Amino acid sequence: MANFGLFVRFTLREGMAEAFDTLVKETEAGIQAHEPGTLVYACHTVEGAPNERVFFEIYADRAAFDEHERQPHTLRFLSERTQYVEKTEVDWLQTYAGKYPREATQ
């Protein structure tokens, strides 16, 4: 399995959650429309932590991730998020076991 993934935790600036969430939804629309190699792009709120957002991303391979990073909607997200985000933590993931959507393992 050559999947490539990451786990990202954003700590948002006070009062910026709604604007950040709008930016995420706009970005997600571009991912849905233009990124077949992005297999999972899941954004979550964190119970009890209203200024935390967690992203779980799985790509078909490193090339699919690189293509994601070049997309206009992603570049816009990366540029605009800084006004909303206080802290970003990224964990790069290597698959060794798990259950994935069928297309993720083909």
PDB file of N, CA and C in Angstrom:
ATOM      1  N   MET A   1       0.846  -1.180   0.000  1.00  0.00           N
ATOM      2  CA  MET A   1       0.000   0.000   0.000  1.00  0.00           C
ATOM      3  C   MET A   1       0.889   1.239   0.000  1.00  0.00           C
ATOM      4  N   ALA A   2       0.719   2.095  -0.972  1.00  0.00           N
ATOM      5  CA  ALA A   2       1.567   3.273  -1.123  1.00  0.00           C
ATOM      6  C   ALA A   2       0.877   4.542  -0.647  1.00  0.00           C
ATOM      7  N   ASN A   3      -0.183   4.413   0.120  1.00  0.00           N
ATOM      8  CA  ASN A   3      -0.894   5.604   0.572  1.00  0.00           C
ATOM      9  C   ASN A   3       0.029   6.527   1.355  1.00  0.00           C
ATOM     10  N   PHE A   4      -0.331   7.800   1.321  1.00  0.00           N
ATOM     11  CA  PHE A   4       0.432   8.832   2.004  1.00  0.00           C
ATOM     12  C   PHE A   4      -0.561   9.654   2.813  1.00  0.00           C
ATOM     13  N   GLY A   5      -0.270   9.917   4.074  1.00  0.00           N
ATOM     14  CA  GLY A   5      -1.246  10.642   4.872  1.00  0.00           C
ATOM     15  C   GLY A   5      -0.643  11.608   5.868  1.00  0.00           C
ATOM     16  N   LEU A   6      -1.536  12.424   6.416  1.00  0.00           N
ATOM     17  CA  LEU A   6      -1.139  13.316   7.479  1.00  0.00           C
ATOM     18  C   LEU A   6      -2.315  13.614   8.401  1.00  0.00           C
ATOM     19  N   PHE A   7      -1.968  13.998   9.603  1.00  0.00           N
ATOM     20  CA  PHE A   7      -2.902  14.380  10.652  1.00  0.00           C
ATOM     21  C   PHE A   7      -2.494  15.788  11.053  1.00  0.00           C
ATOM     22  N   VAL A   8      -3.437  16.730  10.980  1.00  0.00           N
ATOM     23  CA  VAL A   8      -3.124  18.131  11.275  1.00  0.00           C
ATOM     24  C   VAL A   8      -4.069  18.642  12.355  1.00  0.00           C
ATOM     25  N   ARG A   9      -3.515  19.306  13.351  1.00  0.00           N
ATOM     26  CA  ARG A   9      -4.317  19.958  14.386  1.00  0.00           C
ATOM     27  C   ARG A   9      -4.072  21.459  14.308  1.00  0.00           C
ATOM     28  N   PHE A  10      -5.173  22.182  14.134  1.00  0.00           N
ATOM     29  CA  PHE A  10      -5.128  23.641  14.122  1.00  0.00           C
ATOM     30  C   PHE A  10      -5.724  24.157  15.418  1.00  0.00           C
ATOM     31  N   THR A  11      -5.031  25.081  16.061  1.00  0.00           N
ATOM     32  CA  THR A  11      -5.581  25.837  17.175  1.00  0.00           C
ATOM     33  C   THR A  11      -5.914  27.214  16.612  1.00  0.00           C
ATOM     34  N   LEU A  12      -7.194  27.560  16.668  1.00  0.00           N
ATOM     35  CA  LEU A  12      -7.664  28.800  16.052  1.00  0.00           C
ATOM     36  C   LEU A  12      -7.578  29.976  17.020  1.00  0.00           C
ATOM     37  N   ARG A  13      -7.424  31.147  16.448  1.00  0.00           N
ATOM     38  CA  ARG A  13      -7.462  32.379  17.245  1.00  0.00           C
ATOM     39  C   ARG A  13      -8.895  32.562  17.762  1.00  0.00           C
ATOM     40  N   GLU A  14      -9.013  33.156  18.903  1.00  0.00           N
ATOM     41  CA  GLU A  14     -10.325  33.395  19.509  1.00  0.00           C
ATOM     42  C   GLU A  14     -11.225  34.142  18.529  1.00  0.00           C
ATOM     43  N   GLY A  15     -12.444  33.643  18.356  1.00  0.00           N
ATOM     44  CA  GLY A  15     -13.429  34.285  17.498  1.00  0.00           C
ATOM     45  C   GLY A  15     -13.274  34.017  16.008  1.00  0.00           C
ATOM     46  N   MET A  16     -12.358  33.139  15.616  1.00  0.00           N
ATOM     47  CA  MET A  16     -12.082  32.902  14.198  1.00  0.00           C
ATOM     48  C   MET A  16     -12.637  31.575  13.673  1.00  0.00           C
ATOM     49  N   ALA A  17     -13.331  30.814  14.498  1.00  0.00           N
ATOM     50  CA  ALA A  17     -13.787  29.480  14.087  1.00  0.00           C
ATOM     51  C   ALA A  17     -14.735  29.528  12.888  1.00  0.00           C
ATOM     52  N   GLU A  18     -15.695  30.409  12.902  1.00  0.00           N
ATOM     53  CA  GLU A  18     -16.677  30.459  11.815  1.00  0.00           C
ATOM     54  C   GLU A  18     -16.012  30.801  10.476  1.00  0.00           C
ATOM     55  N   ALA A  19     -15.137  31.785  10.475  1.00  0.00           N
ATOM     56  CA  ALA A  19     -14.449  32.177   9.239  1.00  0.00           C
ATOM     57  C   ALA A  19     -13.530  31.054   8.750  1.00  0.00           C
ATOM     58  N   PHE A  20     -12.831  30.395   9.671  1.00  0.00           N
ATOM     59  CA  PHE A  20     -11.969  29.278   9.293  1.00  0.00           C
ATOM     60  C   PHE A  20     -12.796  28.144   8.699  1.00  0.00           C
ATOM     61  N   ASP A  21     -13.905  27.818   9.342  1.00  0.00           N
ATOM     62  CA  ASP A  21     -14.758  26.733   8.848  1.00  0.00           C
ATOM     63  C   ASP A  21     -15.312  27.038   7.458  1.00  0.00           C
ATOM     64  N   THR A  22     -15.631  28.282   7.188  1.00  0.00           N
ATOM     65  CA  THR A  22     -16.087  28.676   5.852  1.00  0.00           C
ATOM     66  C   THR A  22     -14.974  28.460   4.829  1.00  0.00           C
ATOM     67  N   LEU A  23     -13.765  28.853   5.159  1.00  0.00           N
ATOM     68  CA  LEU A  23     -12.622  28.643   4.271  1.00  0.00           C
ATOM     69  C   LEU A  23     -12.411  27.153   4.011  1.00  0.00           C
ATOM     70  N   VAL A  24     -12.529  26.343   5.032  1.00  0.00           N
ATOM     71  CA  VAL A  24     -12.357  24.889   4.874  1.00  0.00           C
ATOM     72  C   VAL A  24     -13.407  24.331   3.919  1.00  0.00           C
ATOM     73  N   LYS A  25     -14.656  24.726   4.093  1.00  0.00           N
ATOM     74  CA  LYS A  25     -15.733  24.217   3.228  1.00  0.00           C
ATOM     75  C   LYS A  25     -15.523  24.633   1.777  1.00  0.00           C
ATOM     76  N   GLU A  26     -15.045  25.845   1.551  1.00  0.00           N
ATOM     77  CA  GLU A  26     -14.738  26.287   0.193  1.00  0.00           C
ATOM     78  C   GLU A  26     -13.593  25.474  -0.397  1.00  0.00           C
ATOM     79  N   THR A  27     -12.589  25.190   0.405  1.00  0.00           N
ATOM     80  CA  THR A  27     -11.452  24.385  -0.039  1.00  0.00           C
ATOM     81  C   THR A  27     -11.884  22.959  -0.339  1.00  0.00           C
ATOM     82  N   GLU A  28     -12.702  22.401   0.508  1.00  0.00           N
ATOM     83  CA  GLU A  28     -13.180  21.028   0.339  1.00  0.00           C
ATOM     84  C   GLU A  28     -13.949  20.870  -0.964  1.00  0.00           C
ATOM     85  N   ALA A  29     -14.684  21.873  -1.382  1.00  0.00           N
ATOM     86  CA  ALA A  29     -15.417  21.806  -2.648  1.00  0.00           C
ATOM     87  C   ALA A  29     -14.441  21.638  -3.808  1.00  0.00           C
ATOM     88  N   GLY A  30     -13.332  22.342  -3.792  1.00  0.00           N
ATOM     89  CA  GLY A  30     -12.311  22.196  -4.826  1.00  0.00           C
ATOM     90  C   GLY A  30     -11.662  20.830  -4.800  1.00  0.00           C
ATOM     91  N   ILE A  31     -11.440  20.306  -3.611  1.00  0.00           N
ATOM     92  CA  ILE A  31     -10.851  18.968  -3.472  1.00  0.00           C
ATOM     93  C   ILE A  31     -11.793  17.924  -4.061  1.00  0.00           C
ATOM     94  N   GLN A  32     -13.078  18.026  -3.726  1.00  0.00           N
ATOM     95  CA  GLN A  32     -14.071  17.081  -4.264  1.00  0.00           C
ATOM     96  C   GLN A  32     -14.088  17.113  -5.790  1.00  0.00           C
ATOM     97  N   ALA A  33     -14.011  18.294  -6.363  1.00  0.00           N
ATOM     98  CA  ALA A  33     -14.163  18.465  -7.810  1.00  0.00           C
ATOM     99  C   ALA A  33     -12.902  18.135  -8.608  1.00  0.00           C
ATOM    100  N   HIS A  34     -11.718  18.317  -8.024  1.00  0.00           N
ATOM    101  CA  HIS A  34     -10.498  18.283  -8.827  1.00  0.00           C
ATOM    102  C   HIS A  34      -9.393  17.344  -8.350  1.00  0.00           C
ATOM    103  N   GLU A  35      -9.628  16.562  -7.300  1.00  0.00           N
ATOM    104  CA  GLU A  35      -8.529  15.773  -6.751  1.00  0.00           C
ATOM    105  C   GLU A  35      -8.893  14.296  -6.575  1.00  0.00           C
ATOM    106  N   PRO A  36      -8.859  13.518  -7.635  1.00  0.00           N
ATOM    107  CA  PRO A  36      -9.172  12.094  -7.499  1.00  0.00           C
ATOM    108  C   PRO A  36      -8.159  11.340  -6.636  1.00  0.00           C
ATOM    109  N   GLY A  37      -6.943  11.841  -6.521  1.00  0.00           N
ATOM    110  CA  GLY A  37      -5.926  11.186  -5.709  1.00  0.00           C
ATOM    111  C   GLY A  37      -6.026  11.489  -4.229  1.00  0.00           C
ATOM    112  N   THR A  38      -6.905  12.424  -3.860  1.00  0.00           N
ATOM    113  CA  THR A  38      -7.170  12.692  -2.440  1.00  0.00           C
ATOM    114  C   THR A  38      -8.287  11.751  -2.028  1.00  0.00           C
ATOM    115  N   LEU A  39      -7.929  10.727  -1.273  1.00  0.00           N
ATOM    116  CA  LEU A  39      -8.869   9.660  -0.931  1.00  0.00           C
ATOM    117  C   LEU A  39      -9.714   9.992   0.285  1.00  0.00           C
ATOM    118  N   VAL A  40      -9.098  10.642   1.267  1.00  0.00           N
ATOM    119  CA  VAL A  40      -9.808  11.061   2.482  1.00  0.00           C
ATOM    120  C   VAL A  40      -9.326  12.468   2.827  1.00  0.00           C
ATOM    121  N   TYR A  41     -10.265  13.370   3.012  1.00  0.00           N
ATOM    122  CA  TYR A  41      -9.957  14.720   3.485  1.00  0.00           C
ATOM    123  C   TYR A  41     -11.050  15.042   4.490  1.00  0.00           C
ATOM    124  N   ALA A  42     -10.832  14.641   5.720  1.00  0.00           N
ATOM    125  CA  ALA A  42     -11.851  14.734   6.759  1.00  0.00           C
ATOM    126  C   ALA A  42     -11.458  15.804   7.770  1.00  0.00           C
ATOM    127  N   CYS A  43     -12.364  16.759   7.983  1.00  0.00           N
ATOM    128  CA  CYS A  43     -12.139  17.868   8.902  1.00  0.00           C
ATOM    129  C   CYS A  43     -13.097  17.713  10.081  1.00  0.00           C
ATOM    130  N   HIS A  44     -12.566  17.854  11.289  1.00  0.00           N
ATOM    131  CA  HIS A  44     -13.365  17.603  12.484  1.00  0.00           C
ATOM    132  C   HIS A  44     -13.238  18.749  13.490  1.00  0.00           C
ATOM    133  N   THR A  45     -14.322  19.007  14.191  1.00  0.00           N
ATOM    134  CA  THR A  45     -14.254  19.834  15.384  1.00  0.00           C
ATOM    135  C   THR A  45     -13.868  18.899  16.524  1.00  0.00           C
ATOM    136  N   VAL A  46     -13.441  19.472  17.640  1.00  0.00           N
ATOM    137  CA  VAL A  46     -13.010  18.675  18.787  1.00  0.00           C
ATOM    138  C   VAL A  46     -13.954  18.949  19.953  1.00  0.00           C
ATOM    139  N   GLU A  47     -14.601  17.916  20.436  1.00  0.00           N
ATOM    140  CA  GLU A  47     -15.540  18.070  21.535  1.00  0.00           C
ATOM    141  C   GLU A  47     -14.849  18.709  22.743  1.00  0.00           C
ATOM    142  N   GLY A  48     -15.445  19.762  23.258  1.00  0.00           N
ATOM    143  CA  GLY A  48     -14.914  20.446  24.432  1.00  0.00           C
ATOM    144  C   GLY A  48     -13.788  21.417  24.138  1.00  0.00           C
ATOM    145  N   ALA A  49     -13.410  21.552  22.866  1.00  0.00           N
ATOM    146  CA  ALA A  49     -12.329  22.471  22.486  1.00  0.00           C
ATOM    147  C   ALA A  49     -12.768  23.248  21.240  1.00  0.00           C
ATOM    148  N   PRO A  50     -13.580  24.290  21.422  1.00  0.00           N
ATOM    149  CA  PRO A  50     -14.186  24.983  20.289  1.00  0.00           C
ATOM    150  C   PRO A  50     -13.204  25.657  19.329  1.00  0.00           C
ATOM    151  N   ASN A  51     -11.977  25.879  19.756  1.00  0.00           N
ATOM    152  CA  ASN A  51     -10.982  26.503  18.887  1.00  0.00           C
ATOM    153  C   ASN A  51     -10.004  25.500  18.288  1.00  0.00           C
ATOM    154  N   GLU A  52     -10.330  24.215  18.358  1.00  0.00           N
ATOM    155  CA  GLU A  52      -9.480  23.176  17.777  1.00  0.00           C
ATOM    156  C   GLU A  52     -10.161  22.582  16.550  1.00  0.00           C
ATOM    157  N   ARG A  53      -9.362  22.312  15.527  1.00  0.00           N
ATOM    158  CA  ARG A  53      -9.818  21.607  14.334  1.00  0.00           C
ATOM    159  C   ARG A  53      -8.787  20.544  14.004  1.00  0.00           C
ATOM    160  N   VAL A  54      -9.262  19.357  13.623  1.00  0.00           N
ATOM    161  CA  VAL A  54      -8.391  18.247  13.287  1.00  0.00           C
ATOM    162  C   VAL A  54      -8.703  17.792  11.870  1.00  0.00           C
ATOM    163  N   PHE A  55      -7.659  17.643  11.069  1.00  0.00           N
ATOM    164  CA  PHE A  55      -7.799  17.151   9.695  1.00  0.00           C
ATOM    165  C   PHE A  55      -7.096  15.800   9.603  1.00  0.00           C
ATOM    166  N   PHE A  56      -7.738  14.861   8.924  1.00  0.00           N
ATOM    167  CA  PHE A  56      -7.163  13.556   8.623  1.00  0.00           C
ATOM    168  C   PHE A  56      -7.187  13.434   7.105  1.00  0.00           C
ATOM    169  N   GLU A  57      -6.010  13.297   6.515  1.00  0.00           N
ATOM    170  CA  GLU A  57      -5.901  13.307   5.060  1.00  0.00           C
ATOM    171  C   GLU A  57      -5.161  12.064   4.583  1.00  0.00           C
ATOM    172  N   ILE A  58      -5.730  11.384   3.594  1.00  0.00           N
ATOM    173  CA  ILE A  58      -5.081  10.231   2.974  1.00  0.00           C
ATOM    174  C   ILE A  58      -5.063  10.456   1.464  1.00  0.00           C
ATOM    175  N   TYR A  59      -3.904  10.284   0.884  1.00  0.00           N
ATOM    176  CA  TYR A  59      -3.701  10.451  -0.549  1.00  0.00           C
ATOM    177  C   TYR A  59      -3.271   9.121  -1.152  1.00  0.00           C
ATOM    178  N   ALA A  60      -3.550   8.942  -2.435  1.00  0.00           N
ATOM    179  CA  ALA A  60      -3.188   7.693  -3.111  1.00  0.00           C
ATOM    180  C   ALA A  60      -1.688   7.430  -2.998  1.00  0.00           C
ATOM    181  N   ASP A  61      -0.894   8.499  -3.044  1.00  0.00           N
ATOM    182  CA  ASP A  61       0.555   8.398  -2.933  1.00  0.00           C
ATOM    183  C   ASP A  61       1.122   9.809  -2.753  1.00  0.00           C
ATOM    184  N   ARG A  62       2.419   9.909  -2.655  1.00  0.00           N
ATOM    185  CA  ARG A  62       3.058  11.214  -2.442  1.00  0.00           C
ATOM    186  C   ARG A  62       2.783  12.163  -3.614  1.00  0.00           C
ATOM    187  N   ALA A  63       2.740  11.620  -4.830  1.00  0.00           N
ATOM    188  CA  ALA A  63       2.460  12.458  -6.005  1.00  0.00           C
ATOM    189  C   ALA A  63       1.073  13.088  -5.910  1.00  0.00           C
ATOM    190  N   ALA A  64       0.091  12.355  -5.402  1.00  0.00           N
ATOM    191  CA  ALA A  64      -1.266  12.901  -5.234  1.00  0.00           C
ATOM    192  C   ALA A  64      -1.257  14.022  -4.197  1.00  0.00           C
ATOM    193  N   PHE A  65      -0.490  13.856  -3.129  1.00  0.00           N
ATOM    194  CA  PHE A  65      -0.367  14.927  -2.132  1.00  0.00           C
ATOM    195  C   PHE A  65       0.285  16.166  -2.758  1.00  0.00           C
ATOM    196  N   ASP A  66       1.354  15.952  -3.521  1.00  0.00           N
ATOM    197  CA  ASP A  66       2.032  17.075  -4.167  1.00  0.00           C
ATOM    198  C   ASP A  66       1.080  17.808  -5.116  1.00  0.00           C
ATOM    199  N   GLU A  67       0.248  17.051  -5.829  1.00  0.00           N
ATOM    200  CA  GLU A  67      -0.742  17.659  -6.723  1.00  0.00           C
ATOM    201  C   GLU A  67      -1.765  18.460  -5.912  1.00  0.00           C
ATOM    202  N   HIS A  68      -2.197  17.930  -4.778  1.00  0.00           N
ATOM    203  CA  HIS A  68      -3.103  18.649  -3.875  1.00  0.00           C
ATOM    204  C   HIS A  68      -2.493  19.988  -3.468  1.00  0.00           C
ATOM    205  N   GLU A  69      -1.230  19.990  -3.135  1.00  0.00           N
ATOM    206  CA  GLU A  69      -0.552  21.202  -2.681  1.00  0.00           C
ATOM    207  C   GLU A  69      -0.441  22.257  -3.789  1.00  0.00           C
ATOM    208  N   ARG A  70      -0.510  21.862  -5.056  1.00  0.00           N
ATOM    209  CA  ARG A  70      -0.392  22.795  -6.184  1.00  0.00           C
ATOM    210  C   ARG A  70      -1.733  23.381  -6.629  1.00  0.00           C
ATOM    211  N   GLN A  71      -2.828  22.857  -6.128  1.00  0.00           N
ATOM    212  CA  GLN A  71      -4.155  23.284  -6.575  1.00  0.00           C
ATOM    213  C   GLN A  71      -4.466  24.711  -6.108  1.00  0.00           C
ATOM    214  N   PRO A  72      -5.144  25.501  -6.940  1.00  0.00           N
ATOM    215  CA  PRO A  72      -5.483  26.886  -6.549  1.00  0.00           C
ATOM    216  C   PRO A  72      -6.280  26.958  -5.249  1.00  0.00           C
ATOM    217  N   HIS A  73      -7.223  26.042  -5.040  1.00  0.00           N
ATOM    218  CA  HIS A  73      -8.020  26.081  -3.803  1.00  0.00           C
ATOM    219  C   HIS A  73      -7.151  25.784  -2.578  1.00  0.00           C
ATOM    220  N   THR A  74      -6.158  24.912  -2.719  1.00  0.00           N
ATOM    221  CA  THR A  74      -5.257  24.616  -1.603  1.00  0.00           C
ATOM    222  C   THR A  74      -4.326  25.787  -1.340  1.00  0.00           C
ATOM    223  N   LEU A  75      -3.786  26.368  -2.397  1.00  0.00           N
ATOM    224  CA  LEU A  75      -2.902  27.528  -2.226  1.00  0.00           C
ATOM    225  C   LEU A  75      -3.639  28.679  -1.538  1.00  0.00           C
ATOM    226  N   ARG A  76      -4.909  28.869  -1.893  1.00  0.00           N
ATOM    227  CA  ARG A  76      -5.721  29.901  -1.233  1.00  0.00           C
ATOM    228  C   ARG A  76      -5.888  29.569   0.250  1.00  0.00           C
ATOM    229  N   PHE A  77      -6.208  28.310   0.558  1.00  0.00           N
ATOM    230  CA  PHE A  77      -6.354  27.903   1.949  1.00  0.00           C
ATOM    231  C   PHE A  77      -5.069  28.157   2.733  1.00  0.00           C
ATOM    232  N   LEU A  78      -3.937  27.719   2.182  1.00  0.00           N
ATOM    233  CA  LEU A  78      -2.667  27.876   2.880  1.00  0.00           C
ATOM    234  C   LEU A  78      -2.335  29.346   3.128  1.00  0.00           C
ATOM    235  N   SER A  79      -2.688  30.195   2.184  1.00  0.00           N
ATOM    236  CA  SER A  79      -2.426  31.630   2.319  1.00  0.00           C
ATOM    237  C   SER A  79      -3.366  32.289   3.330  1.00  0.00           C
ATOM    238  N   GLU A  80      -4.653  31.998   3.231  1.00  0.00           N
ATOM    239  CA  GLU A  80      -5.643  32.683   4.062  1.00  0.00           C
ATOM    240  C   GLU A  80      -5.753  32.141   5.487  1.00  0.00           C
ATOM    241  N   ARG A  81      -5.372  30.902   5.707  1.00  0.00           N
ATOM    242  CA  ARG A  81      -5.559  30.310   7.032  1.00  0.00           C
ATOM    243  C   ARG A  81      -4.766  31.025   8.113  1.00  0.00           C
ATOM    244  N   THR A  82      -3.656  31.655   7.742  1.00  0.00           N
ATOM    245  CA  THR A  82      -2.784  32.261   8.751  1.00  0.00           C
ATOM    246  C   THR A  82      -3.498  33.315   9.589  1.00  0.00           C
ATOM    247  N   GLN A  83      -4.486  33.988   9.018  1.00  0.00           N
ATOM    248  CA  GLN A  83      -5.202  35.013   9.785  1.00  0.00           C
ATOM    249  C   GLN A  83      -6.120  34.407  10.848  1.00  0.00           C
ATOM    250  N   TYR A  84      -6.434  33.124  10.707  1.00  0.00           N
ATOM    251  CA  TYR A  84      -7.361  32.452  11.621  1.00  0.00           C
ATOM    252  C   TYR A  84      -6.672  31.521  12.611  1.00  0.00           C
ATOM    253  N   VAL A  85      -5.457  31.107  12.299  1.00  0.00           N
ATOM    254  CA  VAL A  85      -4.794  30.030  13.040  1.00  0.00           C
ATOM    255  C   VAL A  85      -3.706  30.576  13.949  1.00  0.00           C
ATOM    256  N   GLU A  86      -3.745  30.138  15.187  1.00  0.00           N
ATOM    257  CA  GLU A  86      -2.723  30.498  16.164  1.00  0.00           C
ATOM    258  C   GLU A  86      -1.564  29.497  16.149  1.00  0.00           C
ATOM    259  N   LYS A  87      -1.899  28.201  15.949  1.00  0.00           N
ATOM    260  CA  LYS A  87      -0.885  27.150  16.023  1.00  0.00           C
ATOM    261  C   LYS A  87      -1.281  26.004  15.091  1.00  0.00           C
ATOM    262  N   THR A  88      -0.282  25.417  14.417  1.00  0.00           N
ATOM    263  CA  THR A  88      -0.503  24.274  13.536  1.00  0.00           C
ATOM    264  C   THR A  88       0.461  23.164  13.924  1.00  0.00           C
ATOM    265  N   GLU A  89      -0.067  21.953  14.078  1.00  0.00           N
ATOM    266  CA  GLU A  89       0.752  20.778  14.360  1.00  0.00           C
ATOM    267  C   GLU A  89       0.470  19.746  13.278  1.00  0.00           C
ATOM    268  N   VAL A  90       1.526  19.202  12.661  1.00  0.00           N
ATOM    269  CA  VAL A  90       1.369  18.235  11.575  1.00  0.00           C
ATOM    270  C   VAL A  90       2.119  16.957  11.927  1.00  0.00           C
ATOM    271  N   ASP A  91       1.432  15.824  11.771  1.00  0.00           N
ATOM    272  CA  ASP A  91       2.057  14.514  11.877  1.00  0.00           C
ATOM    273  C   ASP A  91       1.962  13.841  10.520  1.00  0.00           C
ATOM    274  N   TRP A  92       3.101  13.427   9.968  1.00  0.00           N
ATOM    275  CA  TRP A  92       3.145  12.710   8.693  1.00  0.00           C
ATOM    276  C   TRP A  92       2.957  11.234   9.005  1.00  0.00           C
ATOM    277  N   LEU A  93       2.076  10.574   8.275  1.00  0.00           N
ATOM    278  CA  LEU A  93       1.663   9.213   8.595  1.00  0.00           C
ATOM    279  C   LEU A  93       2.182   8.203   7.579  1.00  0.00           C
ATOM    280  N   GLN A  94       2.624   7.054   8.078  1.00  0.00           N
ATOM    281  CA  GLN A  94       3.010   5.912   7.263  1.00  0.00           C
ATOM    282  C   GLN A  94       2.080   4.760   7.611  1.00  0.00           C
ATOM    283  N   THR A  95       1.357   4.250   6.628  1.00  0.00           N
ATOM    284  CA  THR A  95       0.413   3.164   6.859  1.00  0.00           C
ATOM    285  C   THR A  95       1.152   1.861   7.138  1.00  0.00           C
ATOM    286  N   TYR A  96       0.733   1.139   8.175  1.00  0.00           N
ATOM    287  CA  TYR A  96       1.247  -0.202   8.393  1.00  0.00           C
ATOM    288  C   TYR A  96       0.122  -1.204   8.611  1.00  0.00           C
ATOM    289  N   ALA A  97      -1.078  -0.737   8.924  1.00  0.00           N
ATOM    290  CA  ALA A  97      -2.242  -1.608   9.073  1.00  0.00           C
ATOM    291  C   ALA A  97      -3.480  -0.726   9.074  1.00  0.00           C
ATOM    292  N   GLY A  98      -4.621  -1.310   8.785  1.00  0.00           N
ATOM    293  CA  GLY A  98      -5.845  -0.532   8.882  1.00  0.00           C
ATOM    294  C   GLY A  98      -6.889  -0.933   7.866  1.00  0.00           C
ATOM    295  N   LYS A  99      -8.044  -0.313   7.983  1.00  0.00           N
ATOM    296  CA  LYS A  99      -9.156  -0.515   7.063  1.00  0.00           C
ATOM    297  C   LYS A  99      -9.404   0.806   6.357  1.00  0.00           C
ATOM    298  N   TYR A 100      -9.357   0.778   5.049  1.00  0.00           N
ATOM    299  CA  TYR A 100      -9.515   1.976   4.235  1.00  0.00           C
ATOM    300  C   TYR A 100     -10.662   1.781   3.262  1.00  0.00           C
ATOM    301  N   PRO A 101     -11.196   2.893   2.730  1.00  0.00           N
ATOM    302  CA  PRO A 101     -12.187   2.756   1.658  1.00  0.00           C
ATOM    303  C   PRO A 101     -11.584   1.932   0.515  1.00  0.00           C
ATOM    304  N   ARG A 102     -12.406   1.186  -0.161  1.00  0.00           N
ATOM    305  CA  ARG A 102     -11.930   0.265  -1.195  1.00  0.00           C
ATOM    306  C   ARG A 102     -10.971   0.925  -2.188  1.00  0.00           C
ATOM    307  N   GLU A 103     -11.302   2.113  -2.689  1.00  0.00           N
ATOM    308  CA  GLU A 103     -10.447   2.759  -3.683  1.00  0.00           C
ATOM    309  C   GLU A 103      -9.092   3.169  -3.111  1.00  0.00           C
ATOM    310  N   ALA A 104      -8.962   3.273  -1.801  1.00  0.00           N
ATOM    311  CA  ALA A 104      -7.694   3.669  -1.189  1.00  0.00           C
ATOM    312  C   ALA A 104      -6.659   2.567  -1.267  1.00  0.00           C
ATOM    313  N   THR A 105      -7.064   1.341  -1.461  1.00  0.00           N
ATOM    314  CA  THR A 105      -6.107   0.233  -1.466  1.00  0.00           C
ATOM    315  C   THR A 105      -5.860  -0.328  -2.860  1.00  0.00           C
ATOM    316  N   GLN A 106      -6.462   0.247  -3.868  1.00  0.00           N
ATOM    317  CA  GLN A 106      -6.276  -0.267  -5.226  1.00  0.00           C
ATOM    318  C   GLN A 106      -5.085   0.342  -5.896  1.00  0.00           C
TER     319      GLN A 106
END
